[in-house]
Amino acid sequence: MMMKGDVLSGFDTLKICTSYNYKGEKITHLPYNIEPQNVSVNYSEFKGWDEDLTKMTSAEQLPKNLMDYVAFIEKETGVPVSIVSVGPDRKQTIVR
């Protein structure tokens, strides 16, 4: 895996925890009492991307796999993602 300046580039897949199995029941909240023998995690997996995002300046330049990842986060949280940071500098911010 080669990192190119942005945190998520270079991974083959990205995982998002979407729910837990707790004592045989699927739940969507983190159990208060985490018992490793009774809790397992359910993930949604997404294809990663290798593009260097740090020089991108518009949403149209962002990789499809990143946009699929963002769309899933928006759907699951019910909150639109209006800003994507592509690096540590203030100028490395893309408004969607």
PDB file of N, CA and C in Angstrom:
ATOM      1  N   MET A   1       0.841  -1.174   0.000  1.00  0.00           N
ATOM      2  CA  MET A   1       0.000   0.000   0.000  1.00  0.00           C
ATOM      3  C   MET A   1       0.887   1.239   0.000  1.00  0.00           C
ATOM      4  N   MET A   2       0.619   2.148  -0.932  1.00  0.00           N
ATOM      5  CA  MET A   2       1.389   3.377  -1.007  1.00  0.00           C
ATOM      6  C   MET A   2       0.472   4.556  -0.729  1.00  0.00           C
ATOM      7  N   MET A   3       0.814   5.348   0.267  1.00  0.00           N
ATOM      8  CA  MET A   3       0.020   6.523   0.584  1.00  0.00           C
ATOM      9  C   MET A   3       0.547   7.692  -0.229  1.00  0.00           C
ATOM     10  N   LYS A   4      -0.353   8.535  -0.702  1.00  0.00           N
ATOM     11  CA  LYS A   4       0.037   9.639  -1.559  1.00  0.00           C
ATOM     12  C   LYS A   4      -0.328  10.981  -0.956  1.00  0.00           C
ATOM     13  N   GLY A   5      -0.311  11.105   0.323  1.00  0.00           N
ATOM     14  CA  GLY A   5      -0.588  12.392   0.932  1.00  0.00           C
ATOM     15  C   GLY A   5      -1.989  12.509   1.517  1.00  0.00           C
ATOM     16  N   ASP A   6      -2.954  11.798   0.967  1.00  0.00           N
ATOM     17  CA  ASP A   6      -4.290  11.842   1.538  1.00  0.00           C
ATOM     18  C   ASP A   6      -4.533  10.536   2.286  1.00  0.00           C
ATOM     19  N   VAL A   7      -5.295  10.596   3.323  1.00  0.00           N
ATOM     20  CA  VAL A   7      -5.397   9.514   4.291  1.00  0.00           C
ATOM     21  C   VAL A   7      -5.978   8.218   3.738  1.00  0.00           C
ATOM     22  N   LEU A   8      -6.986   8.268   2.886  1.00  0.00           N
ATOM     23  CA  LEU A   8      -7.666   7.048   2.472  1.00  0.00           C
ATOM     24  C   LEU A   8      -7.195   6.484   1.137  1.00  0.00           C
ATOM     25  N   SER A   9      -6.402   7.211   0.375  1.00  0.00           N
ATOM     26  CA  SER A   9      -5.914   6.682  -0.908  1.00  0.00           C
ATOM     27  C   SER A   9      -4.948   5.534  -0.667  1.00  0.00           C
ATOM     28  N   GLY A  10      -5.002   4.544  -1.562  1.00  0.00           N
ATOM     29  CA  GLY A  10      -4.050   3.453  -1.511  1.00  0.00           C
ATOM     30  C   GLY A  10      -4.556   2.176  -0.878  1.00  0.00           C
ATOM     31  N   PHE A  11      -5.725   2.195  -0.256  1.00  0.00           N
ATOM     32  CA  PHE A  11      -6.292   0.977   0.314  1.00  0.00           C
ATOM     33  C   PHE A  11      -7.033   0.212  -0.780  1.00  0.00           C
ATOM     34  N   ASP A  12      -6.915  -1.129  -0.783  1.00  0.00           N
ATOM     35  CA  ASP A  12      -7.671  -1.937  -1.736  1.00  0.00           C
ATOM     36  C   ASP A  12      -9.165  -1.850  -1.456  1.00  0.00           C
ATOM     37  N   THR A  13      -9.518  -1.926  -0.175  1.00  0.00           N
ATOM     38  CA  THR A  13     -10.913  -1.808   0.237  1.00  0.00           C
ATOM     39  C   THR A  13     -11.005  -0.943   1.487  1.00  0.00           C
ATOM     40  N   LEU A  14     -12.159  -0.323   1.666  1.00  0.00           N
ATOM     41  CA  LEU A  14     -12.460   0.447   2.864  1.00  0.00           C
ATOM     42  C   LEU A  14     -13.696  -0.176   3.494  1.00  0.00           C
ATOM     43  N   LYS A  15     -13.712  -0.261   4.804  1.00  0.00           N
ATOM     44  CA  LYS A  15     -14.839  -0.863   5.514  1.00  0.00           C
ATOM     45  C   LYS A  15     -15.505   0.180   6.405  1.00  0.00           C
ATOM     46  N   ILE A  16     -16.839   0.109   6.444  1.00  0.00           N
ATOM     47  CA  ILE A  16     -17.621   0.939   7.357  1.00  0.00           C
ATOM     48  C   ILE A  16     -18.465  -0.003   8.205  1.00  0.00           C
ATOM     49  N   CYS A  17     -18.366   0.136   9.517  1.00  0.00           N
ATOM     50  CA  CYS A  17     -19.208  -0.664  10.412  1.00  0.00           C
ATOM     51  C   CYS A  17     -20.641  -0.168  10.279  1.00  0.00           C
ATOM     52  N   THR A  18     -21.560  -1.080   9.953  1.00  0.00           N
ATOM     53  CA  THR A  18     -22.964  -0.705   9.770  1.00  0.00           C
ATOM     54  C   THR A  18     -23.880  -1.268  10.855  1.00  0.00           C
ATOM     55  N   SER A  19     -23.436  -2.319  11.534  1.00  0.00           N
ATOM     56  CA  SER A  19     -24.237  -2.894  12.620  1.00  0.00           C
ATOM     57  C   SER A  19     -23.385  -3.892  13.378  1.00  0.00           C
ATOM     58  N   TYR A  20     -23.975  -4.446  14.423  1.00  0.00           N
ATOM     59  CA  TYR A  20     -23.299  -5.439  15.256  1.00  0.00           C
ATOM     60  C   TYR A  20     -24.212  -6.652  15.402  1.00  0.00           C
ATOM     61  N   ASN A  21     -23.613  -7.796  15.629  1.00  0.00           N
ATOM     62  CA  ASN A  21     -24.349  -8.979  16.070  1.00  0.00           C
ATOM     63  C   ASN A  21     -24.086  -9.095  17.561  1.00  0.00           C
ATOM     64  N   TYR A  22     -25.149  -9.083  18.354  1.00  0.00           N
ATOM     65  CA  TYR A  22     -25.010  -9.168  19.804  1.00  0.00           C
ATOM     66  C   TYR A  22     -25.909 -10.271  20.312  1.00  0.00           C
ATOM     67  N   LYS A  23     -25.276 -11.328  20.787  1.00  0.00           N
ATOM     68  CA  LYS A  23     -26.002 -12.490  21.310  1.00  0.00           C
ATOM     69  C   LYS A  23     -27.026 -12.994  20.291  1.00  0.00           C
ATOM     70  N   GLY A  24     -26.608 -13.066  19.027  1.00  0.00           N
ATOM     71  CA  GLY A  24     -27.456 -13.594  17.971  1.00  0.00           C
ATOM     72  C   GLY A  24     -28.448 -12.612  17.374  1.00  0.00           C
ATOM     73  N   GLU A  25     -28.460 -11.373  17.851  1.00  0.00           N
ATOM     74  CA  GLU A  25     -29.401 -10.368  17.358  1.00  0.00           C
ATOM     75  C   GLU A  25     -28.625  -9.255  16.652  1.00  0.00           C
ATOM     76  N   LYS A  26     -29.136  -8.801  15.500  1.00  0.00           N
ATOM     77  CA  LYS A  26     -28.511  -7.696  14.784  1.00  0.00           C
ATOM     78  C   LYS A  26     -28.982  -6.386  15.403  1.00  0.00           C
ATOM     79  N   ILE A  27     -28.027  -5.540  15.804  1.00  0.00           N
ATOM     80  CA  ILE A  27     -28.353  -4.241  16.397  1.00  0.00           C
ATOM     81  C   ILE A  27     -27.561  -3.152  15.672  1.00  0.00           C
ATOM     82  N   THR A  28     -28.061  -1.923  15.707  1.00  0.00           N
ATOM     83  CA  THR A  28     -27.383  -0.821  15.017  1.00  0.00           C
ATOM     84  C   THR A  28     -26.719   0.160  15.976  1.00  0.00           C
ATOM     85  N   HIS A  29     -26.730  -0.131  17.241  1.00  0.00           N
ATOM     86  CA  HIS A  29     -26.030   0.709  18.217  1.00  0.00           C
ATOM     87  C   HIS A  29     -24.924  -0.111  18.873  1.00  0.00           C
ATOM     88  N   LEU A  30     -23.894   0.553  19.354  1.00  0.00           N
ATOM     89  CA  LEU A  30     -22.813  -0.133  20.056  1.00  0.00           C
ATOM     90  C   LEU A  30     -23.346  -0.610  21.405  1.00  0.00           C
ATOM     91  N   PRO A  31     -23.216  -1.906  21.687  1.00  0.00           N
ATOM     92  CA  PRO A  31     -23.727  -2.399  22.973  1.00  0.00           C
ATOM     93  C   PRO A  31     -23.000  -1.745  24.154  1.00  0.00           C
ATOM     94  N   TYR A  32     -23.738  -1.449  25.183  1.00  0.00           N
ATOM     95  CA  TYR A  32     -23.156  -0.827  26.379  1.00  0.00           C
ATOM     96  C   TYR A  32     -22.100  -1.734  26.997  1.00  0.00           C
ATOM     97  N   ASN A  33     -22.412  -3.001  27.114  1.00  0.00           N
ATOM     98  CA  ASN A  33     -21.504  -3.962  27.729  1.00  0.00           C
ATOM     99  C   ASN A  33     -20.864  -4.801  26.619  1.00  0.00           C
ATOM    100  N   ILE A  34     -19.667  -4.431  26.217  1.00  0.00           N
ATOM    101  CA  ILE A  34     -19.012  -5.148  25.118  1.00  0.00           C
ATOM    102  C   ILE A  34     -18.387  -6.431  25.662  1.00  0.00           C
ATOM    103  N   GLU A  35     -18.936  -7.539  25.218  1.00  0.00           N
ATOM    104  CA  GLU A  35     -18.443  -8.856  25.597  1.00  0.00           C
ATOM    105  C   GLU A  35     -17.912  -9.497  24.316  1.00  0.00           C
ATOM    106  N   PRO A  36     -16.589  -9.582  24.140  1.00  0.00           N
ATOM    107  CA  PRO A  36     -16.026 -10.081  22.877  1.00  0.00           C
ATOM    108  C   PRO A  36     -16.621 -11.404  22.403  1.00  0.00           C
ATOM    109  N   GLN A  37     -16.996 -12.254  23.303  1.00  0.00           N
ATOM    110  CA  GLN A  37     -17.572 -13.541  22.916  1.00  0.00           C
ATOM    111  C   GLN A  37     -18.997 -13.392  22.393  1.00  0.00           C
ATOM    112  N   ASN A  38     -19.644 -12.248  22.649  1.00  0.00           N
ATOM    113  CA  ASN A  38     -21.035 -12.047  22.246  1.00  0.00           C
ATOM    114  C   ASN A  38     -21.243 -10.954  21.196  1.00  0.00           C
ATOM    115  N   VAL A  39     -20.169 -10.249  20.807  1.00  0.00           N
ATOM    116  CA  VAL A  39     -20.301  -9.136  19.870  1.00  0.00           C
ATOM    117  C   VAL A  39     -19.415  -9.363  18.654  1.00  0.00           C
ATOM    118  N   SER A  40     -19.995  -9.199  17.464  1.00  0.00           N
ATOM    119  CA  SER A  40     -19.211  -9.185  16.229  1.00  0.00           C
ATOM    120  C   SER A  40     -19.697  -8.019  15.380  1.00  0.00           C
ATOM    121  N   VAL A  41     -18.859  -7.591  14.458  1.00  0.00           N
ATOM    122  CA  VAL A  41     -19.118  -6.392  13.669  1.00  0.00           C
ATOM    123  C   VAL A  41     -19.544  -6.766  12.255  1.00  0.00           C
ATOM    124  N   ASN A  42     -20.524  -6.048  11.723  1.00  0.00           N
ATOM    125  CA  ASN A  42     -20.937  -6.186  10.324  1.00  0.00           C
ATOM    126  C   ASN A  42     -20.426  -4.965   9.563  1.00  0.00           C
ATOM    127  N   TYR A  43     -19.747  -5.206   8.450  1.00  0.00           N
ATOM    128  CA  TYR A  43     -19.166  -4.130   7.658  1.00  0.00           C
ATOM    129  C   TYR A  43     -19.797  -4.065   6.276  1.00  0.00           C
ATOM    130  N   SER A  44     -19.847  -2.860   5.721  1.00  0.00           N
ATOM    131  CA  SER A  44     -20.071  -2.658   4.291  1.00  0.00           C
ATOM    132  C   SER A  44     -18.693  -2.347   3.727  1.00  0.00           C
ATOM    133  N   GLU A  45     -18.337  -2.984   2.613  1.00  0.00           N
ATOM    134  CA  GLU A  45     -17.016  -2.787   2.028  1.00  0.00           C
ATOM    135  C   GLU A  45     -17.125  -2.001   0.736  1.00  0.00           C
ATOM    136  N   PHE A  46     -16.127  -1.163   0.501  1.00  0.00           N
ATOM    137  CA  PHE A  46     -16.065  -0.337  -0.693  1.00  0.00           C
ATOM    138  C   PHE A  46     -14.700  -0.467  -1.341  1.00  0.00           C
ATOM    139  N   LYS A  47     -14.679  -0.402  -2.666  1.00  0.00           N
ATOM    140  CA  LYS A  47     -13.409  -0.430  -3.389  1.00  0.00           C
ATOM    141  C   LYS A  47     -12.646   0.851  -3.082  1.00  0.00           C
ATOM    142  N   GLY A  48     -11.341   0.701  -2.908  1.00  0.00           N
ATOM    143  CA  GLY A  48     -10.493   1.854  -2.659  1.00  0.00           C
ATOM    144  C   GLY A  48     -10.116   2.561  -3.954  1.00  0.00           C
ATOM    145  N   TRP A  49      -9.200   3.496  -3.842  1.00  0.00           N
ATOM    146  CA  TRP A  49      -8.710   4.237  -5.002  1.00  0.00           C
ATOM    147  C   TRP A  49      -7.234   4.526  -4.798  1.00  0.00           C
ATOM    148  N   ASP A  50      -6.526   4.688  -5.904  1.00  0.00           N
ATOM    149  CA  ASP A  50      -5.085   4.956  -5.856  1.00  0.00           C
ATOM    150  C   ASP A  50      -4.730   6.381  -6.264  1.00  0.00           C
ATOM    151  N   GLU A  51      -5.704   7.124  -6.750  1.00  0.00           N
ATOM    152  CA  GLU A  51      -5.410   8.464  -7.231  1.00  0.00           C
ATOM    153  C   GLU A  51      -4.884   9.362  -6.119  1.00  0.00           C
ATOM    154  N   ASP A  52      -3.994  10.272  -6.491  1.00  0.00           N
ATOM    155  CA  ASP A  52      -3.483  11.275  -5.565  1.00  0.00           C
ATOM    156  C   ASP A  52      -4.491  12.418  -5.542  1.00  0.00           C
ATOM    157  N   LEU A  53      -5.222  12.564  -4.464  1.00  0.00           N
ATOM    158  CA  LEU A  53      -6.267  13.579  -4.365  1.00  0.00           C
ATOM    159  C   LEU A  53      -5.724  14.968  -4.067  1.00  0.00           C
ATOM    160  N   THR A  54      -4.500  15.054  -3.602  1.00  0.00           N
ATOM    161  CA  THR A  54      -3.974  16.306  -3.062  1.00  0.00           C
ATOM    162  C   THR A  54      -3.908  17.452  -4.066  1.00  0.00           C
ATOM    163  N   LYS A  55      -3.897  17.137  -5.340  1.00  0.00           N
ATOM    164  CA  LYS A  55      -3.834  18.202  -6.351  1.00  0.00           C
ATOM    165  C   LYS A  55      -5.192  18.461  -7.009  1.00  0.00           C
ATOM    166  N   MET A  56      -6.219  17.743  -6.600  1.00  0.00           N
ATOM    167  CA  MET A  56      -7.547  17.918  -7.180  1.00  0.00           C
ATOM    168  C   MET A  56      -8.193  19.173  -6.623  1.00  0.00           C
ATOM    169  N   THR A  57      -8.937  19.854  -7.485  1.00  0.00           N
ATOM    170  CA  THR A  57      -9.533  21.131  -7.092  1.00  0.00           C
ATOM    171  C   THR A  57     -11.039  21.196  -7.302  1.00  0.00           C
ATOM    172  N   SER A  58     -11.641  20.157  -7.895  1.00  0.00           N
ATOM    173  CA  SER A  58     -13.094  20.175  -8.100  1.00  0.00           C
ATOM    174  C   SER A  58     -13.664  18.780  -7.863  1.00  0.00           C
ATOM    175  N   ALA A  59     -14.937  18.730  -7.534  1.00  0.00           N
ATOM    176  CA  ALA A  59     -15.609  17.458  -7.246  1.00  0.00           C
ATOM    177  C   ALA A  59     -15.605  16.541  -8.467  1.00  0.00           C
ATOM    178  N   GLU A  60     -15.610  17.118  -9.660  1.00  0.00           N
ATOM    179  CA  GLU A  60     -15.606  16.317 -10.885  1.00  0.00           C
ATOM    180  C   GLU A  60     -14.326  15.503 -11.038  1.00  0.00           C
ATOM    181  N   GLN A  61     -13.255  15.921 -10.406  1.00  0.00           N
ATOM    182  CA  GLN A  61     -11.978  15.212 -10.492  1.00  0.00           C
ATOM    183  C   GLN A  61     -11.890  14.035  -9.520  1.00  0.00           C
ATOM    184  N   LEU A  62     -12.737  14.009  -8.521  1.00  0.00           N
ATOM    185  CA  LEU A  62     -12.650  12.970  -7.487  1.00  0.00           C
ATOM    186  C   LEU A  62     -12.993  11.597  -8.070  1.00  0.00           C
ATOM    187  N   PRO A  63     -12.281  10.542  -7.645  1.00  0.00           N
ATOM    188  CA  PRO A  63     -12.517   9.193  -8.161  1.00  0.00           C
ATOM    189  C   PRO A  63     -13.929   8.684  -7.850  1.00  0.00           C
ATOM    190  N   LYS A  64     -14.471   7.883  -8.770  1.00  0.00           N
ATOM    191  CA  LYS A  64     -15.810   7.315  -8.595  1.00  0.00           C
ATOM    192  C   LYS A  64     -15.908   6.517  -7.298  1.00  0.00           C
ATOM    193  N   ASN A  65     -14.880   5.735  -6.980  1.00  0.00           N
ATOM    194  CA  ASN A  65     -14.936   4.920  -5.758  1.00  0.00           C
ATOM    195  C   ASN A  65     -15.036   5.791  -4.508  1.00  0.00           C
ATOM    196  N   LEU A  66     -14.370   6.935  -4.504  1.00  0.00           N
ATOM    197  CA  LEU A  66     -14.482   7.868  -3.377  1.00  0.00           C
ATOM    198  C   LEU A  66     -15.900   8.426  -3.312  1.00  0.00           C
ATOM    199  N   MET A  67     -16.462   8.773  -4.456  1.00  0.00           N
ATOM    200  CA  MET A  67     -17.814   9.334  -4.466  1.00  0.00           C
ATOM    201  C   MET A  67     -18.845   8.295  -4.041  1.00  0.00           C
ATOM    202  N   ASP A  68     -18.618   7.023  -4.376  1.00  0.00           N
ATOM    203  CA  ASP A  68     -19.506   5.950  -3.907  1.00  0.00           C
ATOM    204  C   ASP A  68     -19.440   5.841  -2.380  1.00  0.00           C
ATOM    205  N   TYR A  69     -18.233   5.956  -1.831  1.00  0.00           N
ATOM    206  CA  TYR A  69     -18.003   5.912  -0.387  1.00  0.00           C
ATOM    207  C   TYR A  69     -18.744   7.074   0.294  1.00  0.00           C
ATOM    208  N   VAL A  70     -18.602   8.272  -0.255  1.00  0.00           N
ATOM    209  CA  VAL A  70     -19.261   9.460   0.296  1.00  0.00           C
ATOM    210  C   VAL A  70     -20.783   9.313   0.203  1.00  0.00           C
ATOM    211  N   ALA A  71     -21.276   8.814  -0.932  1.00  0.00           N
ATOM    212  CA  ALA A  71     -22.725   8.637  -1.108  1.00  0.00           C
ATOM    213  C   ALA A  71     -23.292   7.680  -0.060  1.00  0.00           C
ATOM    214  N   PHE A  72     -22.554   6.618   0.258  1.00  0.00           N
ATOM    215  CA  PHE A  72     -23.006   5.669   1.275  1.00  0.00           C
ATOM    216  C   PHE A  72     -23.075   6.354   2.645  1.00  0.00           C
ATOM    217  N   ILE A  73     -22.054   7.131   2.975  1.00  0.00           N
ATOM    218  CA  ILE A  73     -22.054   7.849   4.258  1.00  0.00           C
ATOM    219  C   ILE A  73     -23.242   8.802   4.332  1.00  0.00           C
ATOM    220  N   GLU A  74     -23.520   9.510   3.239  1.00  0.00           N
ATOM    221  CA  GLU A  74     -24.669  10.421   3.212  1.00  0.00           C
ATOM    222  C   GLU A  74     -25.976   9.665   3.436  1.00  0.00           C
ATOM    223  N   LYS A  75     -26.124   8.539   2.747  1.00  0.00           N
ATOM    224  CA  LYS A  75     -27.360   7.743   2.850  1.00  0.00           C
ATOM    225  C   LYS A  75     -27.548   7.210   4.271  1.00  0.00           C
ATOM    226  N   GLU A  76     -26.486   6.664   4.846  1.00  0.00           N
ATOM    227  CA  GLU A  76     -26.582   6.058   6.179  1.00  0.00           C
ATOM    228  C   GLU A  76     -26.807   7.081   7.285  1.00  0.00           C
ATOM    229  N   THR A  77     -26.206   8.265   7.151  1.00  0.00           N
ATOM    230  CA  THR A  77     -26.325   9.275   8.203  1.00  0.00           C
ATOM    231  C   THR A  77     -27.490  10.236   7.979  1.00  0.00           C
ATOM    232  N   GLY A  78     -27.964  10.311   6.711  1.00  0.00           N
ATOM    233  CA  GLY A  78     -29.017  11.264   6.397  1.00  0.00           C
ATOM    234  C   GLY A  78     -28.519  12.697   6.359  1.00  0.00           C
ATOM    235  N   VAL A  79     -27.208  12.858   6.255  1.00  0.00           N
ATOM    236  CA  VAL A  79     -26.594  14.186   6.249  1.00  0.00           C
ATOM    237  C   VAL A  79     -25.767  14.339   4.978  1.00  0.00           C
ATOM    238  N   PRO A  80     -25.984  15.428   4.217  1.00  0.00           N
ATOM    239  CA  PRO A  80     -25.176  15.609   3.009  1.00  0.00           C
ATOM    240  C   PRO A  80     -23.734  15.975   3.348  1.00  0.00           C
ATOM    241  N   VAL A  81     -22.812  15.455   2.556  1.00  0.00           N
ATOM    242  CA  VAL A  81     -21.404  15.808   2.676  1.00  0.00           C
ATOM    243  C   VAL A  81     -21.156  16.925   1.669  1.00  0.00           C
ATOM    244  N   SER A  82     -20.916  18.120   2.157  1.00  0.00           N
ATOM    245  CA  SER A  82     -20.763  19.253   1.253  1.00  0.00           C
ATOM    246  C   SER A  82     -19.309  19.657   1.059  1.00  0.00           C
ATOM    247  N   ILE A  83     -18.413  19.147   1.894  1.00  0.00           N
ATOM    248  CA  ILE A  83     -16.993  19.485   1.779  1.00  0.00           C
ATOM    249  C   ILE A  83     -16.171  18.203   1.850  1.00  0.00           C
ATOM    250  N   VAL A  84     -15.216  18.077   0.927  1.00  0.00           N
ATOM    251  CA  VAL A  84     -14.272  16.960   0.930  1.00  0.00           C
ATOM    252  C   VAL A  84     -12.879  17.550   1.032  1.00  0.00           C
ATOM    253  N   SER A  85     -12.148  17.179   2.059  1.00  0.00           N
ATOM    254  CA  SER A  85     -10.779  17.636   2.227  1.00  0.00           C
ATOM    255  C   SER A  85      -9.848  16.655   1.529  1.00  0.00           C
ATOM    256  N   VAL A  86      -8.937  17.190   0.706  1.00  0.00           N
ATOM    257  CA  VAL A  86      -8.017  16.330  -0.042  1.00  0.00           C
ATOM    258  C   VAL A  86      -6.571  16.510   0.416  1.00  0.00           C
ATOM    259  N   GLY A  87      -6.373  17.208   1.527  1.00  0.00           N
ATOM    260  CA  GLY A  87      -5.036  17.407   2.067  1.00  0.00           C
ATOM    261  C   GLY A  87      -5.086  18.308   3.281  1.00  0.00           C
ATOM    262  N   PRO A  88      -3.942  18.555   3.913  1.00  0.00           N
ATOM    263  CA  PRO A  88      -3.901  19.310   5.164  1.00  0.00           C
ATOM    264  C   PRO A  88      -4.028  20.825   5.008  1.00  0.00           C
ATOM    265  N   ASP A  89      -3.785  21.350   3.823  1.00  0.00           N
ATOM    266  CA  ASP A  89      -3.823  22.793   3.611  1.00  0.00           C
ATOM    267  C   ASP A  89      -5.264  23.270   3.456  1.00  0.00           C
ATOM    268  N   ARG A  90      -5.545  24.473   3.913  1.00  0.00           N
ATOM    269  CA  ARG A  90      -6.901  25.020   3.792  1.00  0.00           C
ATOM    270  C   ARG A  90      -7.349  25.091   2.339  1.00  0.00           C
ATOM    271  N   LYS A  91      -6.415  25.275   1.433  1.00  0.00           N
ATOM    272  CA  LYS A  91      -6.741  25.359   0.006  1.00  0.00           C
ATOM    273  C   LYS A  91      -7.084  23.995  -0.581  1.00  0.00           C
ATOM    274  N   GLN A  92      -6.829  22.923   0.168  1.00  0.00           N
ATOM    275  CA  GLN A  92      -7.105  21.571  -0.308  1.00  0.00           C
ATOM    276  C   GLN A  92      -8.485  21.103   0.165  1.00  0.00           C
ATOM    277  N   THR A  93      -9.467  21.938  -0.089  1.00  0.00           N
ATOM    278  CA  THR A  93     -10.843  21.683   0.301  1.00  0.00           C
ATOM    279  C   THR A  93     -11.720  21.817  -0.945  1.00  0.00           C
ATOM    280  N   ILE A  94     -12.527  20.800  -1.196  1.00  0.00           N
ATOM    281  CA  ILE A  94     -13.432  20.823  -2.333  1.00  0.00           C
ATOM    282  C   ILE A  94     -14.852  20.950  -1.811  1.00  0.00           C
ATOM    283  N   VAL A  95     -15.562  21.978  -2.281  1.00  0.00           N
ATOM    284  CA  VAL A  95     -16.959  22.172  -1.920  1.00  0.00           C
ATOM    285  C   VAL A  95     -17.797  21.511  -3.000  1.00  0.00           C
ATOM    286  N   ARG A  96     -18.701  20.639  -2.573  1.00  0.00           N
ATOM    287  CA  ARG A  96     -19.567  19.916  -3.524  1.00  0.00           C
ATOM    288  C   ARG A  96     -20.883  20.641  -3.699  1.00  0.00           C
TER     289      ARG A  96
END
